[in-house]
């Protein structure tokens, strides 16, 4: 069974800034890894794409990935994460909390360059493709 990985928005954005195609970077790992996404990642990434053709390419590639729906259970988990982390003095952006809750519910590892994901209890996070 393939492991599940949810690439965070910053994976896509950093790849683009480096002149790389993030989907081409994921492709060689697709045999052993199932890459999933969520609405927050899609919205964060595509909103910053200036060229309509690039936006269309990204939308087409995201459509090939399993999109984990943001269910009531994920919203509840997001609220619980926000509440408990806030009380520890760790206030994270709401989109990141939604991504974390989505990954936790799906049993996915988050591929991210944001170190704060590693502070979320029970969440597996990595900064490189394995």
N, C-alpha and C. Protein backbone atom coordinates (compact mmCIF):
# COMPACT_ATOMS: atom_id res chain seq x y z
N UNK A 1 0.84 -1.19 0.00
CA UNK A 1 0.00 0.00 0.00
C UNK A 1 0.89 1.25 0.00
N UNK A 2 0.53 2.20 -0.84
CA UNK A 2 1.30 3.43 -0.93
C UNK A 2 1.06 4.30 0.29
N UNK A 3 2.10 5.01 0.69
CA UNK A 3 1.93 5.96 1.79
C UNK A 3 1.24 7.21 1.25
N UNK A 4 0.51 7.88 2.12
CA UNK A 4 -0.19 9.10 1.74
C UNK A 4 0.64 10.32 2.12
N UNK A 5 0.78 11.24 1.20
CA UNK A 5 1.50 12.49 1.45
C UNK A 5 0.65 13.65 0.94
N UNK A 6 0.48 14.65 1.79
CA UNK A 6 -0.25 15.86 1.42
C UNK A 6 0.77 16.99 1.31
N UNK A 7 1.16 17.37 0.08
CA UNK A 7 2.10 18.49 -0.07
C UNK A 7 1.42 19.80 0.35
N UNK A 8 2.09 20.53 1.21
CA UNK A 8 1.60 21.83 1.67
C UNK A 8 1.76 22.85 0.54
N UNK A 9 1.04 23.93 0.66
CA UNK A 9 1.10 25.01 -0.33
C UNK A 9 2.52 25.47 -0.58
N UNK A 10 3.31 25.55 0.49
CA UNK A 10 4.66 26.10 0.31
C UNK A 10 5.56 25.19 -0.53
N UNK A 11 5.25 23.90 -0.62
CA UNK A 11 6.01 23.02 -1.50
C UNK A 11 5.83 23.49 -2.95
N UNK A 12 4.59 23.74 -3.33
CA UNK A 12 4.29 24.17 -4.70
C UNK A 12 4.87 25.56 -4.97
N UNK A 13 4.70 26.46 -4.04
CA UNK A 13 5.16 27.84 -4.21
C UNK A 13 6.68 27.91 -4.27
N UNK A 14 7.35 27.18 -3.39
CA UNK A 14 8.83 27.18 -3.39
C UNK A 14 9.36 26.58 -4.69
N UNK A 15 8.72 25.52 -5.17
CA UNK A 15 9.16 24.91 -6.43
C UNK A 15 9.05 25.89 -7.58
N UNK A 16 7.91 26.59 -7.64
CA UNK A 16 7.72 27.57 -8.71
C UNK A 16 8.75 28.69 -8.64
N UNK A 17 9.02 29.17 -7.44
CA UNK A 17 10.01 30.25 -7.29
C UNK A 17 11.40 29.80 -7.72
N UNK A 18 11.68 28.49 -7.59
CA UNK A 18 12.97 27.94 -8.01
C UNK A 18 12.98 27.57 -9.50
N UNK A 19 11.86 27.84 -10.19
CA UNK A 19 11.79 27.53 -11.61
C UNK A 19 11.51 26.06 -11.89
N UNK A 20 10.98 25.34 -10.91
CA UNK A 20 10.73 23.92 -11.06
C UNK A 20 9.23 23.64 -11.18
N UNK A 21 8.90 22.54 -11.82
CA UNK A 21 7.53 22.09 -11.91
C UNK A 21 7.27 21.17 -10.72
N UNK A 22 6.46 21.60 -9.76
CA UNK A 22 6.25 20.77 -8.57
C UNK A 22 5.61 19.42 -8.86
N UNK A 23 4.75 19.36 -9.86
CA UNK A 23 4.12 18.09 -10.20
C UNK A 23 5.13 17.12 -10.81
N UNK A 24 6.09 17.65 -11.57
CA UNK A 24 7.17 16.82 -12.11
C UNK A 24 8.06 16.31 -11.00
N UNK A 25 8.22 17.08 -9.93
CA UNK A 25 9.00 16.63 -8.79
C UNK A 25 8.30 15.49 -8.05
N UNK A 26 6.98 15.53 -8.00
CA UNK A 26 6.22 14.49 -7.30
C UNK A 26 6.14 13.20 -8.12
N UNK A 27 6.08 13.33 -9.42
CA UNK A 27 5.84 12.21 -10.32
C UNK A 27 6.75 10.99 -10.11
N UNK A 28 8.07 11.15 -9.96
CA UNK A 28 8.92 9.97 -9.78
C UNK A 28 8.62 9.17 -8.50
N UNK A 29 7.91 9.76 -7.58
CA UNK A 29 7.61 9.11 -6.30
C UNK A 29 6.22 8.50 -6.27
N UNK A 30 5.48 8.66 -7.36
CA UNK A 30 4.07 8.25 -7.38
C UNK A 30 3.87 6.74 -7.29
N UNK A 31 4.89 5.97 -7.57
CA UNK A 31 4.75 4.50 -7.47
C UNK A 31 4.62 4.04 -6.02
N UNK A 32 5.33 4.72 -5.13
CA UNK A 32 5.31 4.33 -3.71
C UNK A 32 4.50 5.28 -2.83
N UNK A 33 4.10 6.40 -3.39
CA UNK A 33 3.43 7.43 -2.61
C UNK A 33 2.17 7.89 -3.32
N UNK A 34 1.08 7.98 -2.58
CA UNK A 34 -0.13 8.59 -3.13
C UNK A 34 -0.18 10.02 -2.61
N UNK A 35 -0.13 10.96 -3.54
CA UNK A 35 -0.18 12.37 -3.18
C UNK A 35 -1.63 12.81 -3.16
N UNK A 36 -2.03 13.39 -2.05
CA UNK A 36 -3.40 13.89 -1.89
C UNK A 36 -3.33 15.40 -1.67
N UNK A 37 -4.46 16.03 -1.80
CA UNK A 37 -4.52 17.47 -1.59
C UNK A 37 -5.80 17.81 -0.85
N UNK A 38 -6.00 19.10 -0.63
CA UNK A 38 -7.24 19.56 0.00
C UNK A 38 -7.55 20.95 -0.57
N UNK A 39 -8.77 21.39 -0.33
CA UNK A 39 -9.22 22.66 -0.89
C UNK A 39 -8.37 23.85 -0.50
N UNK A 40 -7.88 23.86 0.73
CA UNK A 40 -7.06 24.99 1.18
C UNK A 40 -5.77 25.08 0.37
N UNK A 41 -5.12 23.95 0.14
CA UNK A 41 -3.89 23.96 -0.64
C UNK A 41 -4.18 24.45 -2.06
N UNK A 42 -5.22 23.89 -2.67
CA UNK A 42 -5.56 24.30 -4.04
C UNK A 42 -5.82 25.80 -4.10
N UNK A 43 -6.60 26.32 -3.17
CA UNK A 43 -6.92 27.75 -3.17
C UNK A 43 -5.69 28.61 -2.93
N UNK A 44 -4.85 28.23 -1.95
CA UNK A 44 -3.66 29.03 -1.65
C UNK A 44 -2.71 29.07 -2.84
N UNK A 45 -2.53 27.94 -3.50
CA UNK A 45 -1.57 27.88 -4.60
C UNK A 45 -2.11 28.58 -5.84
N UNK A 46 -3.33 28.26 -6.24
CA UNK A 46 -3.82 28.81 -7.51
C UNK A 46 -4.12 30.31 -7.44
N UNK A 47 -4.41 30.83 -6.26
CA UNK A 47 -4.71 32.27 -6.17
C UNK A 47 -3.49 33.12 -6.53
N UNK A 48 -2.29 32.59 -6.35
CA UNK A 48 -1.09 33.36 -6.62
C UNK A 48 -0.53 33.20 -8.02
N UNK A 49 -1.15 32.34 -8.82
CA UNK A 49 -0.65 32.12 -10.18
C UNK A 49 -1.15 33.22 -11.10
N UNK A 50 -0.23 33.95 -11.70
CA UNK A 50 -0.61 35.10 -12.51
C UNK A 50 -1.11 34.70 -13.90
N UNK A 51 -0.45 33.78 -14.53
CA UNK A 51 -0.79 33.41 -15.91
C UNK A 51 -1.98 32.44 -15.92
N UNK A 52 -3.02 32.76 -16.68
CA UNK A 52 -4.17 31.86 -16.77
C UNK A 52 -3.79 30.44 -17.23
N UNK A 53 -2.83 30.33 -18.14
CA UNK A 53 -2.43 29.01 -18.63
C UNK A 53 -1.77 28.18 -17.52
N UNK A 54 -0.99 28.85 -16.67
CA UNK A 54 -0.36 28.14 -15.55
C UNK A 54 -1.41 27.73 -14.53
N UNK A 55 -2.36 28.62 -14.28
CA UNK A 55 -3.45 28.30 -13.36
C UNK A 55 -4.23 27.09 -13.87
N UNK A 56 -4.51 27.05 -15.15
CA UNK A 56 -5.24 25.93 -15.73
C UNK A 56 -4.43 24.64 -15.60
N UNK A 57 -3.13 24.72 -15.84
CA UNK A 57 -2.26 23.53 -15.72
C UNK A 57 -2.31 23.01 -14.28
N UNK A 58 -2.23 23.90 -13.31
CA UNK A 58 -2.26 23.49 -11.91
C UNK A 58 -3.62 22.89 -11.55
N UNK A 59 -4.69 23.51 -12.02
CA UNK A 59 -6.02 22.97 -11.74
C UNK A 59 -6.17 21.56 -12.32
N UNK A 60 -5.64 21.35 -13.52
CA UNK A 60 -5.71 20.03 -14.15
C UNK A 60 -4.91 19.00 -13.35
N UNK A 61 -3.73 19.40 -12.88
CA UNK A 61 -2.90 18.48 -12.10
C UNK A 61 -3.51 18.20 -10.73
N UNK A 62 -4.05 19.22 -10.08
CA UNK A 62 -4.71 19.00 -8.80
C UNK A 62 -5.91 18.06 -8.97
N UNK A 63 -6.60 18.16 -10.10
CA UNK A 63 -7.76 17.30 -10.35
C UNK A 63 -7.38 15.83 -10.46
N UNK A 64 -6.12 15.55 -10.75
CA UNK A 64 -5.65 14.16 -10.83
C UNK A 64 -5.34 13.58 -9.45
N UNK A 65 -5.22 14.44 -8.47
CA UNK A 65 -4.92 14.01 -7.10
C UNK A 65 -6.23 13.76 -6.35
N UNK A 66 -6.19 12.87 -5.38
CA UNK A 66 -7.33 12.69 -4.50
C UNK A 66 -7.45 13.94 -3.64
N UNK A 67 -8.62 14.55 -3.64
CA UNK A 67 -8.85 15.73 -2.81
C UNK A 67 -9.62 15.29 -1.57
N UNK A 68 -9.00 15.45 -0.42
CA UNK A 68 -9.63 15.08 0.84
C UNK A 68 -10.62 16.19 1.20
N UNK A 69 -11.88 15.82 1.30
CA UNK A 69 -12.93 16.80 1.61
C UNK A 69 -12.79 17.31 3.03
N UNK A 70 -13.10 18.58 3.20
CA UNK A 70 -13.07 19.18 4.52
C UNK A 70 -14.43 18.93 5.18
N UNK A 71 -14.49 17.84 5.90
CA UNK A 71 -15.73 17.40 6.54
C UNK A 71 -15.94 18.12 7.87
N UNK A 72 -17.12 17.91 8.45
CA UNK A 72 -17.41 18.47 9.77
C UNK A 72 -16.41 17.95 10.80
N UNK A 73 -15.99 16.71 10.65
CA UNK A 73 -15.00 16.13 11.56
C UNK A 73 -13.66 16.85 11.45
N UNK A 74 -13.27 17.20 10.24
CA UNK A 74 -12.01 17.94 10.06
C UNK A 74 -12.13 19.34 10.64
N UNK A 75 -13.27 19.99 10.46
CA UNK A 75 -13.45 21.32 11.07
C UNK A 75 -13.39 21.23 12.59
N UNK A 76 -13.99 20.18 13.15
CA UNK A 76 -13.94 20.00 14.61
C UNK A 76 -12.49 19.79 15.06
N UNK A 77 -11.76 18.97 14.32
CA UNK A 77 -10.35 18.72 14.67
C UNK A 77 -9.52 20.00 14.53
N UNK A 78 -9.83 20.80 13.52
CA UNK A 78 -9.14 22.07 13.33
C UNK A 78 -9.36 22.97 14.53
N UNK A 79 -10.61 23.08 14.96
CA UNK A 79 -10.94 23.92 16.12
C UNK A 79 -10.25 23.42 17.38
N UNK A 80 -10.21 22.10 17.56
CA UNK A 80 -9.54 21.53 18.73
C UNK A 80 -8.04 21.81 18.69
N UNK A 81 -7.44 21.64 17.51
CA UNK A 81 -6.00 21.95 17.37
C UNK A 81 -5.72 23.41 17.68
N UNK A 82 -6.51 24.30 17.09
CA UNK A 82 -6.31 25.73 17.31
C UNK A 82 -6.42 26.06 18.79
N UNK A 83 -7.44 25.55 19.43
CA UNK A 83 -7.67 25.84 20.85
C UNK A 83 -6.50 25.34 21.70
N UNK A 84 -6.10 24.09 21.50
CA UNK A 84 -5.05 23.52 22.35
C UNK A 84 -3.68 24.15 22.07
N UNK A 85 -3.37 24.41 20.81
CA UNK A 85 -2.07 25.02 20.48
C UNK A 85 -2.02 26.47 20.94
N UNK A 86 -3.13 27.20 20.80
CA UNK A 86 -3.16 28.58 21.28
C UNK A 86 -2.83 28.64 22.77
N UNK A 87 -3.37 27.69 23.54
CA UNK A 87 -3.13 27.69 24.98
C UNK A 87 -1.69 27.34 25.34
N UNK A 88 -0.98 26.79 24.38
CA UNK A 88 0.45 26.51 24.57
C UNK A 88 1.31 27.66 24.04
N UNK A 89 0.65 28.71 23.58
CA UNK A 89 1.39 29.86 23.05
C UNK A 89 1.82 29.69 21.61
N UNK A 90 1.29 28.68 20.94
CA UNK A 90 1.65 28.41 19.54
C UNK A 90 0.44 28.74 18.67
N UNK A 91 0.42 29.96 18.15
CA UNK A 91 -0.70 30.41 17.34
C UNK A 91 -0.31 30.24 15.87
N UNK A 92 -0.97 29.29 15.20
CA UNK A 92 -0.65 28.98 13.81
C UNK A 92 -1.73 29.55 12.90
N UNK A 93 -1.37 29.84 11.65
CA UNK A 93 -2.36 30.33 10.69
C UNK A 93 -3.47 29.28 10.49
N UNK A 94 -4.70 29.76 10.38
CA UNK A 94 -5.84 28.86 10.22
C UNK A 94 -5.68 27.93 9.01
N UNK A 95 -5.22 28.40 7.85
CA UNK A 95 -5.05 27.46 6.73
C UNK A 95 -4.12 26.29 7.07
N UNK A 96 -3.06 26.57 7.81
CA UNK A 96 -2.15 25.49 8.19
C UNK A 96 -2.81 24.51 9.16
N UNK A 97 -3.65 25.01 10.03
CA UNK A 97 -4.37 24.13 10.95
C UNK A 97 -5.36 23.24 10.20
N UNK A 98 -6.00 23.79 9.18
CA UNK A 98 -6.92 23.00 8.36
C UNK A 98 -6.15 21.92 7.61
N UNK A 99 -5.01 22.28 7.05
CA UNK A 99 -4.17 21.30 6.34
C UNK A 99 -3.72 20.21 7.30
N UNK A 100 -3.29 20.58 8.49
CA UNK A 100 -2.85 19.60 9.48
C UNK A 100 -3.99 18.67 9.88
N UNK A 101 -5.17 19.23 10.16
CA UNK A 101 -6.32 18.41 10.55
C UNK A 101 -6.72 17.47 9.42
N UNK A 102 -6.64 17.94 8.19
CA UNK A 102 -6.96 17.11 7.03
C UNK A 102 -5.98 15.95 6.94
N UNK A 103 -4.69 16.24 7.08
CA UNK A 103 -3.67 15.19 7.01
C UNK A 103 -3.85 14.18 8.15
N UNK A 104 -4.14 14.67 9.33
CA UNK A 104 -4.35 13.77 10.47
C UNK A 104 -5.53 12.83 10.22
N UNK A 105 -6.63 13.37 9.72
CA UNK A 105 -7.81 12.54 9.45
C UNK A 105 -7.56 11.53 8.34
N UNK A 106 -6.76 11.92 7.34
CA UNK A 106 -6.48 11.04 6.20
C UNK A 106 -5.35 10.06 6.49
N UNK A 107 -4.59 10.30 7.57
CA UNK A 107 -3.43 9.46 7.86
C UNK A 107 -2.26 9.78 6.94
N UNK A 108 -2.19 11.03 6.50
CA UNK A 108 -1.15 11.45 5.56
C UNK A 108 -0.03 12.22 6.26
N UNK A 109 1.13 12.16 5.67
CA UNK A 109 2.28 12.97 6.07
C UNK A 109 2.21 14.28 5.30
N UNK A 110 2.52 15.40 5.94
CA UNK A 110 2.53 16.69 5.26
C UNK A 110 3.95 16.95 4.74
N UNK A 111 4.04 17.21 3.45
CA UNK A 111 5.31 17.62 2.84
C UNK A 111 5.34 19.13 2.90
N UNK A 112 6.22 19.68 3.74
CA UNK A 112 6.19 21.11 4.01
C UNK A 112 7.57 21.64 4.36
N UNK A 113 7.74 22.93 4.18
CA UNK A 113 8.96 23.61 4.62
C UNK A 113 8.69 24.50 5.83
N UNK A 114 7.47 24.48 6.34
CA UNK A 114 7.11 25.23 7.54
C UNK A 114 7.40 24.37 8.77
N UNK A 115 8.36 24.80 9.57
CA UNK A 115 8.77 24.02 10.75
C UNK A 115 7.66 23.87 11.78
N UNK A 116 6.71 24.81 11.81
CA UNK A 116 5.69 24.72 12.85
C UNK A 116 4.79 23.49 12.71
N UNK A 117 4.72 22.88 11.51
CA UNK A 117 3.93 21.67 11.36
C UNK A 117 4.48 20.54 12.24
N UNK A 118 5.79 20.57 12.49
CA UNK A 118 6.40 19.53 13.33
C UNK A 118 6.02 19.66 14.80
N UNK A 119 5.42 20.78 15.16
CA UNK A 119 5.00 21.00 16.55
C UNK A 119 3.58 20.54 16.81
N UNK A 120 2.90 20.07 15.78
CA UNK A 120 1.51 19.64 15.94
C UNK A 120 1.50 18.17 16.38
N UNK A 121 0.94 17.90 17.55
CA UNK A 121 0.95 16.54 18.10
C UNK A 121 0.31 15.52 17.15
N UNK A 122 1.03 14.44 16.94
CA UNK A 122 0.53 13.34 16.14
C UNK A 122 0.68 13.50 14.64
N UNK A 123 1.06 14.68 14.18
CA UNK A 123 1.19 14.93 12.75
C UNK A 123 2.57 14.53 12.26
N UNK A 124 2.60 13.76 11.18
CA UNK A 124 3.87 13.45 10.54
C UNK A 124 4.14 14.52 9.49
N UNK A 125 5.31 15.12 9.56
CA UNK A 125 5.68 16.17 8.60
C UNK A 125 7.11 15.92 8.15
N UNK A 126 7.36 16.20 6.88
CA UNK A 126 8.69 16.04 6.32
C UNK A 126 8.96 17.20 5.37
N UNK A 127 10.24 17.49 5.17
CA UNK A 127 10.60 18.57 4.25
C UNK A 127 11.27 18.05 2.98
N UNK A 128 11.15 16.74 2.76
CA UNK A 128 11.70 16.19 1.52
C UNK A 128 10.94 14.96 1.07
N UNK A 129 11.02 14.75 -0.22
CA UNK A 129 10.39 13.57 -0.78
C UNK A 129 11.26 12.36 -0.48
N UNK A 130 10.61 11.30 -0.08
CA UNK A 130 11.36 10.10 0.30
C UNK A 130 11.38 9.12 -0.85
